[in-house]
PDB file of all heavy atoms in Angstrom:
ATOM      1  N   VAL A   1      37.636  79.934-101.269  1.00  0.00           N
ATOM      2  CA  VAL A   1      37.643  81.355-101.661  1.00  0.00           C
ATOM      3  C   VAL A   1      36.936  81.497-102.996  1.00  0.00           C
ATOM      4  O   VAL A   1      37.213  80.826-103.976  1.00  0.00           O
ATOM      5  CB  VAL A   1      39.078  81.848-101.737  1.00  0.00           C
ATOM      6  CG1 VAL A   1      39.150  83.290-102.264  1.00  0.00           C
ATOM      7  CG2 VAL A   1      39.760  81.760-100.390  1.00  0.00           C
ATOM      8  N   GLN A   2      36.053  82.499-103.008  1.00  0.00           N
ATOM      9  CA  GLN A   2      35.387  82.886-104.254  1.00  0.00           C
ATOM     10  C   GLN A   2      35.340  84.387-104.389  1.00  0.00           C
ATOM     11  O   GLN A   2      35.083  85.120-103.389  1.00  0.00           O
ATOM     12  CB  GLN A   2      33.972  82.355-104.288  1.00  0.00           C
ATOM     13  CG  GLN A   2      33.867  80.828-104.503  1.00  0.00           C
ATOM     14  CD  GLN A   2      32.500  80.359-104.764  1.00  0.00           C
ATOM     15  OE1 GLN A   2      31.520  80.984-104.386  1.00  0.00           O
ATOM     16  NE2 GLN A   2      32.382  79.219-105.468  1.00  0.00           N
ATOM     17  N   LEU A   3      35.589  84.877-105.565  1.00  0.00           N
ATOM     18  CA  LEU A   3      35.459  86.249-105.905  1.00  0.00           C
ATOM     19  C   LEU A   3      34.622  86.360-107.171  1.00  0.00           C
ATOM     20  O   LEU A   3      34.986  85.784-108.216  1.00  0.00           O
ATOM     21  CB  LEU A   3      36.824  86.856-106.157  1.00  0.00           C
ATOM     22  CG  LEU A   3      37.856  86.799-105.018  1.00  0.00           C
ATOM     23  CD1 LEU A   3      39.260  87.216-105.475  1.00  0.00           C
ATOM     24  CD2 LEU A   3      37.376  87.631-103.839  1.00  0.00           C
ATOM     25  N   VAL A   4      33.520  87.069-107.086  1.00  0.00           N
ATOM     26  CA  VAL A   4      32.559  87.127-108.152  1.00  0.00           C
ATOM     27  C   VAL A   4      32.346  88.587-108.586  1.00  0.00           C
ATOM     28  O   VAL A   4      31.768  89.393-107.839  1.00  0.00           O
ATOM     29  CB  VAL A   4      31.226  86.479-107.835  1.00  0.00           C
ATOM     30  CG1 VAL A   4      30.289  86.548-109.057  1.00  0.00           C
ATOM     31  CG2 VAL A   4      31.460  85.022-107.409  1.00  0.00           C
ATOM     32  N   GLU A   5      32.832  88.924-109.757  1.00  0.00           N
ATOM     33  CA  GLU A   5      32.712  90.279-110.292  1.00  0.00           C
ATOM     34  C   GLU A   5      31.399  90.506-111.040  1.00  0.00           C
ATOM     35  O   GLU A   5      30.823  89.558-111.599  1.00  0.00           O
ATOM     36  CB  GLU A   5      33.850  90.643-111.237  1.00  0.00           C
ATOM     37  CG  GLU A   5      35.254  90.491-110.635  1.00  0.00           C
ATOM     38  CD  GLU A   5      35.881  89.159-110.938  1.00  0.00           C
ATOM     39  OE1 GLU A   5      35.147  88.187-111.161  1.00  0.00           O
ATOM     40  OE2 GLU A   5      37.145  89.101-110.966  1.00  0.00           O
ATOM     41  N   SER A   6      30.874  91.711-111.043  1.00  0.00           N
ATOM     42  CA  SER A   6      29.749  92.046-111.802  1.00  0.00           C
ATOM     43  C   SER A   6      29.770  93.533-112.074  1.00  0.00           C
ATOM     44  O   SER A   6      30.613  94.285-111.581  1.00  0.00           O
ATOM     45  CB  SER A   6      28.466  91.660-111.073  1.00  0.00           C
ATOM     46  OG  SER A   6      28.320  92.442-109.854  1.00  0.00           O
ATOM     47  N   GLY A   7      28.855  94.016-112.980  1.00  0.00           N
ATOM     48  CA  GLY A   7      28.747  95.414-113.224  1.00  0.00           C
ATOM     49  C   GLY A   7      29.309  95.933-114.517  1.00  0.00           C
ATOM     50  O   GLY A   7      29.145  97.099-114.874  1.00  0.00           O
ATOM     51  N   GLY A   8      30.018  95.057-115.258  1.00  0.00           N
ATOM     52  CA  GLY A   8      30.482  95.459-116.555  1.00  0.00           C
ATOM     53  C   GLY A   8      29.410  95.630-117.571  1.00  0.00           C
ATOM     54  O   GLY A   8      28.227  95.314-117.361  1.00  0.00           O
ATOM     55  N   GLY A   9      29.824  96.138-118.714  1.00  0.00           N
ATOM     56  CA  GLY A   9      28.863  96.367-119.767  1.00  0.00           C
ATOM     57  C   GLY A   9      29.431  97.205-120.912  1.00  0.00           C
ATOM     58  O   GLY A   9      30.638  97.509-120.908  1.00  0.00           O
ATOM     59  N   LEU A  10      28.533  97.578-121.851  1.00  0.00           N
ATOM     60  CA  LEU A  10      28.951  98.447-122.954  1.00  0.00           C
ATOM     61  C   LEU A  10      28.621  99.842-122.632  1.00  0.00           C
ATOM     62  O   LEU A  10      27.428 100.180-122.272  1.00  0.00           O
ATOM     63  CB  LEU A  10      28.204  97.970-124.218  1.00  0.00           C
ATOM     64  CG  LEU A  10      28.374  98.848-125.454  1.00  0.00           C
ATOM     65  CD1 LEU A  10      29.865  98.828-125.881  1.00  0.00           C
ATOM     66  CD2 LEU A  10      27.478  98.317-126.559  1.00  0.00           C
ATOM     67  N   VAL A  11      29.568 100.742-122.686  1.00  0.00           N
ATOM     68  CA  VAL A  11      29.417 102.166-122.293  1.00  0.00           C
ATOM     69  C   VAL A  11      30.080 103.031-123.319  1.00  0.00           C
ATOM     70  O   VAL A  11      31.154 102.688-123.884  1.00  0.00           O
ATOM     71  CB  VAL A  11      30.022 102.457-120.891  1.00  0.00           C
ATOM     72  CG1 VAL A  11      29.715 103.851-120.457  1.00  0.00           C
ATOM     73  CG2 VAL A  11      29.448 101.488-119.866  1.00  0.00           C
ATOM     74  N   GLN A  12      29.465 104.183-123.572  1.00  0.00           N
ATOM     75  CA  GLN A  12      30.049 105.127-124.510  1.00  0.00           C
ATOM     76  C   GLN A  12      31.246 105.873-123.823  1.00  0.00           C
ATOM     77  O   GLN A  12      31.316 105.996-122.604  1.00  0.00           O
ATOM     78  CB  GLN A  12      29.029 106.172-124.927  1.00  0.00           C
ATOM     79  CG  GLN A  12      27.948 105.609-125.800  1.00  0.00           C
ATOM     80  CD  GLN A  12      26.954 106.666-126.311  1.00  0.00           C
ATOM     81  OE1 GLN A  12      26.858 107.705-125.709  1.00  0.00           O
ATOM     82  NE2 GLN A  12      26.328 106.367-127.427  1.00  0.00           N
ATOM     83  N   PRO A  13      32.210 106.334-124.597  1.00  0.00           N
ATOM     84  CA  PRO A  13      33.254 107.111-124.016  1.00  0.00           C
ATOM     85  C   PRO A  13      32.719 108.279-123.145  1.00  0.00           C
ATOM     86  O   PRO A  13      31.738 108.941-123.559  1.00  0.00           O
ATOM     87  CB  PRO A  13      33.986 107.674-125.242  1.00  0.00           C
ATOM     88  CG  PRO A  13      33.787 106.622-126.257  1.00  0.00           C
ATOM     89  CD  PRO A  13      32.348 106.158-126.048  1.00  0.00           C
ATOM     90  N   GLY A  14      33.342 108.528-122.030  1.00  0.00           N
ATOM     91  CA  GLY A  14      32.900 109.540-121.150  1.00  0.00           C
ATOM     92  C   GLY A  14      31.868 109.025-120.096  1.00  0.00           C
ATOM     93  O   GLY A  14      31.581 109.742-119.117  1.00  0.00           O
ATOM     94  N   GLY A  15      31.391 107.828-120.265  1.00  0.00           N
ATOM     95  CA  GLY A  15      30.430 107.251-119.361  1.00  0.00           C
ATOM     96  C   GLY A  15      31.030 106.707-118.146  1.00  0.00           C
ATOM     97  O   GLY A  15      32.275 106.803-117.918  1.00  0.00           O
ATOM     98  N   SER A  16      30.213 106.125-117.242  1.00  0.00           N
ATOM     99  CA  SER A  16      30.668 105.572-115.966  1.00  0.00           C
ATOM    100  C   SER A  16      30.112 104.186-115.758  1.00  0.00           C
ATOM    101  O   SER A  16      29.050 103.842-116.230  1.00  0.00           O
ATOM    102  CB  SER A  16      30.241 106.495-114.841  1.00  0.00           C
ATOM    103  OG  SER A  16      30.808 107.778-114.946  1.00  0.00           O
ATOM    104  N   LEU A  17      30.854 103.477-114.929  1.00  0.00           N
ATOM    105  CA  LEU A  17      30.385 102.112-114.465  1.00  0.00           C
ATOM    106  C   LEU A  17      30.861 101.980-113.040  1.00  0.00           C
ATOM    107  O   LEU A  17      31.860 102.508-112.611  1.00  0.00           O
ATOM    108  CB  LEU A  17      30.981 100.999-115.313  1.00  0.00           C
ATOM    109  CG  LEU A  17      30.409 100.752-116.687  1.00  0.00           C
ATOM    110  CD1 LEU A  17      31.292  99.705-117.376  1.00  0.00           C
ATOM    111  CD2 LEU A  17      28.986 100.261-116.581  1.00  0.00           C
ATOM    112  N   ARG A  18      30.166 101.141-112.278  1.00  0.00           N
ATOM    113  CA  ARG A  18      30.617 100.694-111.012  1.00  0.00           C
ATOM    114  C   ARG A  18      30.678  99.205-111.041  1.00  0.00           C
ATOM    115  O   ARG A  18      29.617  98.492-111.106  1.00  0.00           O
ATOM    116  CB  ARG A  18      29.702 101.183-109.845  1.00  0.00           C
ATOM    117  CG  ARG A  18      30.322 100.875-108.482  1.00  0.00           C
ATOM    118  CD  ARG A  18      29.525 101.375-107.308  1.00  0.00           C
ATOM    119  NE  ARG A  18      28.312 100.589-107.091  1.00  0.00           N
ATOM    120  CZ  ARG A  18      27.616 100.612-105.997  1.00  0.00           C
ATOM    121  NH1 ARG A  18      27.934 101.402-105.011  1.00  0.00           N
ATOM    122  NH2 ARG A  18      26.504  99.860-105.942  1.00  0.00           N
ATOM    123  N   LEU A  19      31.860  98.680-110.849  1.00  0.00           N
ATOM    124  CA  LEU A  19      32.058  97.227-110.769  1.00  0.00           C
ATOM    125  C   LEU A  19      31.997  96.751-109.342  1.00  0.00           C
ATOM    126  O   LEU A  19      32.467  97.473-108.409  1.00  0.00           O
ATOM    127  CB  LEU A  19      33.400  96.840-111.393  1.00  0.00           C
ATOM    128  CG  LEU A  19      33.688  97.343-112.769  1.00  0.00           C
ATOM    129  CD1 LEU A  19      35.046  96.792-113.257  1.00  0.00           C
ATOM    130  CD2 LEU A  19      32.561  97.018-113.777  1.00  0.00           C
ATOM    131  N   SER A  20      31.502  95.557-109.097  1.00  0.00           N
ATOM    132  CA  SER A  20      31.438  94.987-107.781  1.00  0.00           C
ATOM    133  C   SER A  20      32.112  93.646-107.788  1.00  0.00           C
ATOM    134  O   SER A  20      32.103  92.923-108.805  1.00  0.00           O
ATOM    135  CB  SER A  20      29.993  94.844-107.327  1.00  0.00           C
ATOM    136  OG  SER A  20      29.313  96.071-107.243  1.00  0.00           O
ATOM    137  N   CYS A  21      32.684  93.314-106.656  1.00  0.00           N
ATOM    138  CA  CYS A  21      33.274  91.938-106.462  1.00  0.00           C
ATOM    139  C   CYS A  21      32.860  91.495-105.066  1.00  0.00           C
ATOM    140  O   CYS A  21      33.290  92.054-104.053  1.00  0.00           O
ATOM    141  CB  CYS A  21      34.821  92.058-106.575  1.00  0.00           C
ATOM    142  SG  CYS A  21      35.661  90.521-106.214  1.00  0.00           S
ATOM    143  N   VAL A  22      32.054  90.458-105.067  1.00  0.00           N
ATOM    144  CA  VAL A  22      31.605  89.878-103.845  1.00  0.00           C
ATOM    145  C   VAL A  22      32.506  88.724-103.452  1.00  0.00           C
ATOM    146  O   VAL A  22      32.683  87.801-104.258  1.00  0.00           O
ATOM    147  CB  VAL A  22      30.126  89.362-103.942  1.00  0.00           C
ATOM    148  CG1 VAL A  22      29.673  88.727-102.668  1.00  0.00           C
ATOM    149  CG2 VAL A  22      29.224  90.522-104.320  1.00  0.00           C
ATOM    150  N   ALA A  23      33.012  88.731-102.254  1.00  0.00           N
ATOM    151  CA  ALA A  23      33.983  87.739-101.777  1.00  0.00           C
ATOM    152  C   ALA A  23      33.326  86.837-100.733  1.00  0.00           C
ATOM    153  O   ALA A  23      32.427  87.245-100.025  1.00  0.00           O
ATOM    154  CB  ALA A  23      35.180  88.467-101.106  1.00  0.00           C
ATOM    155  N   SER A  24      33.790  85.582-100.741  1.00  0.00           N
ATOM    156  CA  SER A  24      33.300  84.625 -99.795  1.00  0.00           C
ATOM    157  C   SER A  24      34.373  83.595 -99.579  1.00  0.00           C
ATOM    158  O   SER A  24      35.341  83.451-100.305  1.00  0.00           O
ATOM    159  CB  SER A  24      32.030  83.959-100.248  1.00  0.00           C
ATOM    160  OG  SER A  24      32.250  83.244-101.450  1.00  0.00           O
ATOM    161  N   GLY A  25      34.262  82.876 -98.463  1.00  0.00           N
ATOM    162  CA  GLY A  25      35.201  81.819 -98.159  1.00  0.00           C
ATOM    163  C   GLY A  25      36.415  82.187 -97.353  1.00  0.00           C
ATOM    164  O   GLY A  25      37.305  81.351 -97.161  1.00  0.00           O
ATOM    165  N   PHE A  26      36.477  83.462 -96.929  1.00  0.00           N
ATOM    166  CA  PHE A  26      37.634  83.919 -96.124  1.00  0.00           C
ATOM    167  C   PHE A  26      37.183  85.167 -95.355  1.00  0.00           C
ATOM    168  O   PHE A  26      36.099  85.723 -95.612  1.00  0.00           O
ATOM    169  CB  PHE A  26      38.845  84.199 -96.978  1.00  0.00           C
ATOM    170  CG  PHE A  26      38.697  85.268 -97.993  1.00  0.00           C
ATOM    171  CD1 PHE A  26      39.177  86.553 -97.741  1.00  0.00           C
ATOM    172  CD2 PHE A  26      38.053  85.071 -99.199  1.00  0.00           C
ATOM    173  CE1 PHE A  26      39.072  87.555 -98.656  1.00  0.00           C
ATOM    174  CE2 PHE A  26      37.916  86.056-100.125  1.00  0.00           C
ATOM    175  CZ  PHE A  26      38.429  87.335 -99.833  1.00  0.00           C
ATOM    176  N   THR A  27      38.029  85.560 -94.463  1.00  0.00           N
ATOM    177  CA  THR A  27      37.725  86.752 -93.644  1.00  0.00           C
ATOM    178  C   THR A  27      38.129  87.972 -94.467  1.00  0.00           C
ATOM    179  O   THR A  27      39.249  88.486 -94.401  1.00  0.00           O
ATOM    180  CB  THR A  27      38.468  86.705 -92.311  1.00  0.00           C
ATOM    181  OG1 THR A  27      38.162  85.514 -91.608  1.00  0.00           O
ATOM    182  CG2 THR A  27      38.090  87.916 -91.442  1.00  0.00           C
ATOM    183  N   PHE A  28      37.161  88.445 -95.228  1.00  0.00           N
ATOM    184  CA  PHE A  28      37.404  89.539 -96.188  1.00  0.00           C
ATOM    185  C   PHE A  28      38.026  90.758 -95.555  1.00  0.00           C
ATOM    186  O   PHE A  28      38.879  91.386 -96.184  1.00  0.00           O
ATOM    187  CB  PHE A  28      36.061  89.854 -96.874  1.00  0.00           C
ATOM    188  CG  PHE A  28      36.081  90.998 -97.818  1.00  0.00           C
ATOM    189  CD1 PHE A  28      36.550  90.845 -99.094  1.00  0.00           C
ATOM    190  CD2 PHE A  28      35.623  92.254 -97.404  1.00  0.00           C
ATOM    191  CE1 PHE A  28      36.603  91.879 -99.987  1.00  0.00           C
ATOM    192  CE2 PHE A  28      35.637  93.349 -98.325  1.00  0.00           C
ATOM    193  CZ  PHE A  28      36.143  93.116 -99.569  1.00  0.00           C
ATOM    194  N   SER A  29      37.603  91.132 -94.392  1.00  0.00           N
ATOM    195  CA  SER A  29      38.021  92.376 -93.764  1.00  0.00           C
ATOM    196  C   SER A  29      39.430  92.431 -93.356  1.00  0.00           C
ATOM    197  O   SER A  29      39.926  93.545 -93.021  1.00  0.00           O
ATOM    198  CB  SER A  29      37.106  92.655 -92.535  1.00  0.00           C
ATOM    199  OG  SER A  29      37.308  91.644 -91.561  1.00  0.00           O
ATOM    200  N   THR A  30      40.152  91.337 -93.472  1.00  0.00           N
ATOM    201  CA  THR A  30      41.580  91.305 -93.099  1.00  0.00           C
ATOM    202  C   THR A  30      42.531  91.296 -94.321  1.00  0.00           C
ATOM    203  O   THR A  30      43.748  91.321 -94.115  1.00  0.00           O
ATOM    204  CB  THR A  30      41.902  90.095 -92.227  1.00  0.00           C
ATOM    205  OG1 THR A  30      41.810  88.895 -93.013  1.00  0.00           O
ATOM    206  CG2 THR A  30      40.992  90.025 -91.027  1.00  0.00           C
ATOM    207  N   TYR A  31      42.013  91.336 -95.532  1.00  0.00           N
ATOM    208  CA  TYR A  31      42.823  91.225 -96.695  1.00  0.00           C
ATOM    209  C   TYR A  31      42.846  92.481 -97.545  1.00  0.00           C
ATOM    210  O   TYR A  31      41.820  93.181 -97.712  1.00  0.00           O
ATOM    211  CB  TYR A  31      42.316  90.116 -97.597  1.00  0.00           C
ATOM    212  CG  TYR A  31      42.710  88.718 -97.104  1.00  0.00           C
ATOM    213  CD1 TYR A  31      41.974  88.074 -96.131  1.00  0.00           C
ATOM    214  CD2 TYR A  31      43.808  88.090 -97.615  1.00  0.00           C
ATOM    215  CE1 TYR A  31      42.370  86.827 -95.656  1.00  0.00           C
ATOM    216  CE2 TYR A  31      44.210  86.825 -97.153  1.00  0.00           C
ATOM    217  CZ  TYR A  31      43.480  86.169 -96.171  1.00  0.00           C
ATOM    218  OH  TYR A  31      43.836  84.957 -95.736  1.00  0.00           O
ATOM    219  N   ASN A  32      44.058  92.743 -98.091  1.00  0.00           N
ATOM    220  CA  ASN A  32      44.139  93.724 -99.193  1.00  0.00           C
ATOM    221  C   ASN A  32      43.358  93.148-100.395  1.00  0.00           C
ATOM    222  O   ASN A  32      43.296  91.954-100.616  1.00  0.00           O
ATOM    223  CB  ASN A  32      45.581  93.942 -99.607  1.00  0.00           C
ATOM    224  CG  ASN A  32      46.432  94.417 -98.465  1.00  0.00           C
ATOM    225  OD1 ASN A  32      46.014  95.263 -97.675  1.00  0.00           O
ATOM    226  ND2 ASN A  32      47.642  93.863 -98.384  1.00  0.00           N
ATOM    227  N   MET A  33      42.827  94.085-101.189  1.00  0.00           N
ATOM    228  CA  MET A  33      42.106  93.652-102.400  1.00  0.00           C
ATOM    229  C   MET A  33      42.538  94.554-103.560  1.00  0.00           C
ATOM    230  O   MET A  33      42.961  95.690-103.345  1.00  0.00           O
ATOM    231  CB  MET A  33      40.625  93.813-102.211  1.00  0.00           C
ATOM    232  CG  MET A  33      40.001  92.919-101.155  1.00  0.00           C
ATOM    233  SD  MET A  33      40.152  91.133-101.506  1.00  0.00           S
ATOM    234  CE  MET A  33      39.134  90.972-103.030  1.00  0.00           C
ATOM    235  N   GLY A  34      42.458  94.001-104.746  1.00  0.00           N
ATOM    236  CA  GLY A  34      42.905  94.766-105.907  1.00  0.00           C
ATOM    237  C   GLY A  34      42.060  94.502-107.137  1.00  0.00           C
ATOM    238  O   GLY A  34      41.247  93.538-107.135  1.00  0.00           O
ATOM    239  N   TRP A  35      42.192  95.374-108.075  1.00  0.00           N
ATOM    240  CA  TRP A  35      41.585  95.225-109.389  1.00  0.00           C
ATOM    241  C   TRP A  35      42.646  95.225-110.469  1.00  0.00           C
ATOM    242  O   TRP A  35      43.529  96.066-110.392  1.00  0.00           O
ATOM    243  CB  TRP A  35      40.579  96.359-109.704  1.00  0.00           C
ATOM    244  CG  TRP A  35      39.283  96.202-108.933  1.00  0.00           C
ATOM    245  CD1 TRP A  35      38.945  96.852-107.782  1.00  0.00           C
ATOM    246  CD2 TRP A  35      38.115  95.545-109.378  1.00  0.00           C
ATOM    247  NE1 TRP A  35      37.670  96.571-107.415  1.00  0.00           N
ATOM    248  CE2 TRP A  35      37.109  95.743-108.362  1.00  0.00           C
ATOM    249  CE3 TRP A  35      37.776  94.720-110.445  1.00  0.00           C
ATOM    250  CZ2 TRP A  35      35.829  95.170-108.463  1.00  0.00           C
ATOM    251  CZ3 TRP A  35      36.539  94.168-110.577  1.00  0.00           C
ATOM    252  CH2 TRP A  35      35.545  94.403-109.587  1.00  0.00           C
ATOM    253  N   PHE A  36      42.520  94.390-111.404  1.00  0.00           N
ATOM    254  CA  PHE A  36      43.354  94.373-112.587  1.00  0.00           C
ATOM    255  C   PHE A  36      42.482  94.256-113.822  1.00  0.00           C
ATOM    256  O   PHE A  36      41.302  93.975-113.726  1.00  0.00           O
ATOM    257  CB  PHE A  36      44.302  93.131-112.577  1.00  0.00           C
ATOM    258  CG  PHE A  36      45.411  93.197-111.643  1.00  0.00           C
ATOM    259  CD1 PHE A  36      45.208  93.084-110.272  1.00  0.00           C
ATOM    260  CD2 PHE A  36      46.715  93.357-112.078  1.00  0.00           C
ATOM    261  CE1 PHE A  36      46.263  93.176-109.372  1.00  0.00           C
ATOM    262  CE2 PHE A  36      47.801  93.445-111.206  1.00  0.00           C
ATOM    263  CZ  PHE A  36      47.576  93.361-109.858  1.00  0.00           C
ATOM    264  N   ARG A  37      43.044  94.562-114.972  1.00  0.00           N
ATOM    265  CA  ARG A  37      42.309  94.459-116.242  1.00  0.00           C
ATOM    266  C   ARG A  37      43.195  93.881-117.302  1.00  0.00           C
ATOM    267  O   ARG A  37      44.426  94.015-117.242  1.00  0.00           O
ATOM    268  CB  ARG A  37      41.688  95.781-116.679  1.00  0.00           C
ATOM    269  CG  ARG A  37      42.733  96.845-117.079  1.00  0.00           C
ATOM    270  CD  ARG A  37      42.051  98.149-117.357  1.00  0.00           C
ATOM    271  NE  ARG A  37      43.012  99.158-117.800  1.00  0.00           N
ATOM    272  CZ  ARG A  37      42.733 100.421-117.942  1.00  0.00           C
ATOM    273  NH1 ARG A  37      41.471 100.866-117.688  1.00  0.00           N
ATOM    274  NH2 ARG A  37      43.636 101.306-118.350  1.00  0.00           N
ATOM    275  N   GLN A  38      42.536  93.268-118.286  1.00  0.00           N
ATOM    276  CA  GLN A  38      43.241  92.736-119.382  1.00  0.00           C
ATOM    277  C   GLN A  38      42.560  93.122-120.723  1.00  0.00           C
ATOM    278  O   GLN A  38      41.414  92.694-120.943  1.00  0.00           O
ATOM    279  CB  GLN A  38      43.332  91.216-119.286  1.00  0.00           C
ATOM    280  CG  GLN A  38      44.256  90.543-120.284  1.00  0.00           C
ATOM    281  CD  GLN A  38      44.619  89.135-119.947  1.00  0.00           C
ATOM    282  OE1 GLN A  38      43.887  88.497-119.211  1.00  0.00           O
ATOM    283  NE2 GLN A  38      45.760  88.646-120.454  1.00  0.00           N
ATOM    284  N   ALA A  39      43.262  93.873-121.505  1.00  0.00           N
ATOM    285  CA  ALA A  39      42.712  94.310-122.784  1.00  0.00           C
ATOM    286  C   ALA A  39      42.945  93.193-123.777  1.00  0.00           C
ATOM    287  O   ALA A  39      43.857  92.367-123.624  1.00  0.00           O
ATOM    288  CB  ALA A  39      43.337  95.602-123.231  1.00  0.00           C
ATOM    289  N   PRO A  40      42.195  93.165-124.884  1.00  0.00           N
ATOM    290  CA  PRO A  40      42.421  92.119-125.934  1.00  0.00           C
ATOM    291  C   PRO A  40      43.818  92.124-126.420  1.00  0.00           C
ATOM    292  O   PRO A  40      44.389  93.124-126.820  1.00  0.00           O
ATOM    293  CB  PRO A  40      41.431  92.521-127.040  1.00  0.00           C
ATOM    294  CG  PRO A  40      40.320  93.233-126.295  1.00  0.00           C
ATOM    295  CD  PRO A  40      41.050  93.980-125.182  1.00  0.00           C
ATOM    296  N   GLY A  41      44.480  90.962-126.397  1.00  0.00           N
ATOM    297  CA  GLY A  41      45.847  90.812-126.894  1.00  0.00           C
ATOM    298  C   GLY A  41      46.890  91.376-126.021  1.00  0.00           C
ATOM    299  O   GLY A  41      48.104  91.444-126.416  1.00  0.00           O
ATOM    300  N   LYS A  42      46.584  91.815-124.795  1.00  0.00           N
ATOM    301  CA  LYS A  42      47.543  92.428-123.917  1.00  0.00           C
ATOM    302  C   LYS A  42      47.643  91.664-122.618  1.00  0.00           C
ATOM    303  O   LYS A  42      46.783  90.814-122.296  1.00  0.00           O
ATOM    304  CB  LYS A  42      47.236  93.875-123.660  1.00  0.00           C
ATOM    305  CG  LYS A  42      47.276  94.762-124.922  1.00  0.00           C
ATOM    306  CD  LYS A  42      46.971  96.211-124.560  1.00  0.00           C
ATOM    307  CE  LYS A  42      47.058  97.116-125.789  1.00  0.00           C
ATOM    308  NZ  LYS A  42      46.779  98.533-125.412  1.00  0.00           N
ATOM    309  N   GLU A  43      48.722  91.908-121.886  1.00  0.00           N
ATOM    310  CA  GLU A  43      48.889  91.309-120.552  1.00  0.00           C
ATOM    311  C   GLU A  43      48.000  91.961-119.515  1.00  0.00           C
ATOM    312  O   GLU A  43      47.583  93.098-119.633  1.00  0.00           O
ATOM    313  CB  GLU A  43      50.336  91.409-120.135  1.00  0.00           C
ATOM    314  CG  GLU A  43      51.324  90.668-121.033  1.00  0.00           C
ATOM    315  CD  GLU A  43      51.074  89.164-121.020  1.00  0.00           C
ATOM    316  OE1 GLU A  43      50.810  88.608-119.980  1.00  0.00           O
ATOM    317  OE2 GLU A  43      51.076  88.563-122.131  1.00  0.00           O
ATOM    318  N   ARG A  44      47.716  91.233-118.466  1.00  0.00           N
ATOM    319  CA  ARG A  44      46.969  91.762-117.357  1.00  0.00           C
ATOM    320  C   ARG A  44      47.714  92.930-116.717  1.00  0.00           C
ATOM    321  O   ARG A  44      48.942  92.854-116.430  1.00  0.00           O
ATOM    322  CB  ARG A  44      46.667  90.640-116.373  1.00  0.00           C
ATOM    323  CG  ARG A  44      45.684  90.987-115.279  1.00  0.00           C
ATOM    324  CD  ARG A  44      45.294  89.820-114.464  1.00  0.00           C
ATOM    325  NE  ARG A  44      44.656  88.750-115.299  1.00  0.00           N
ATOM    326  CZ  ARG A  44      44.159  87.643-114.828  1.00  0.00           C
ATOM    327  NH1 ARG A  44      44.203  87.369-113.541  1.00  0.00           N
ATOM    328  NH2 ARG A  44      43.624  86.781-115.650  1.00  0.00           N
TER     329      ARG A  44
END
């Protein structure tokens, strides 16, 4: 199983981004998927 994220960067407040996560090694279409984030010094 591999999950590879991309699309992050430096953006000004009010801006937009689209993050992508390419999956491999399993039948992707049968699984729930999620996004989490972790800020500096904080929990995920």
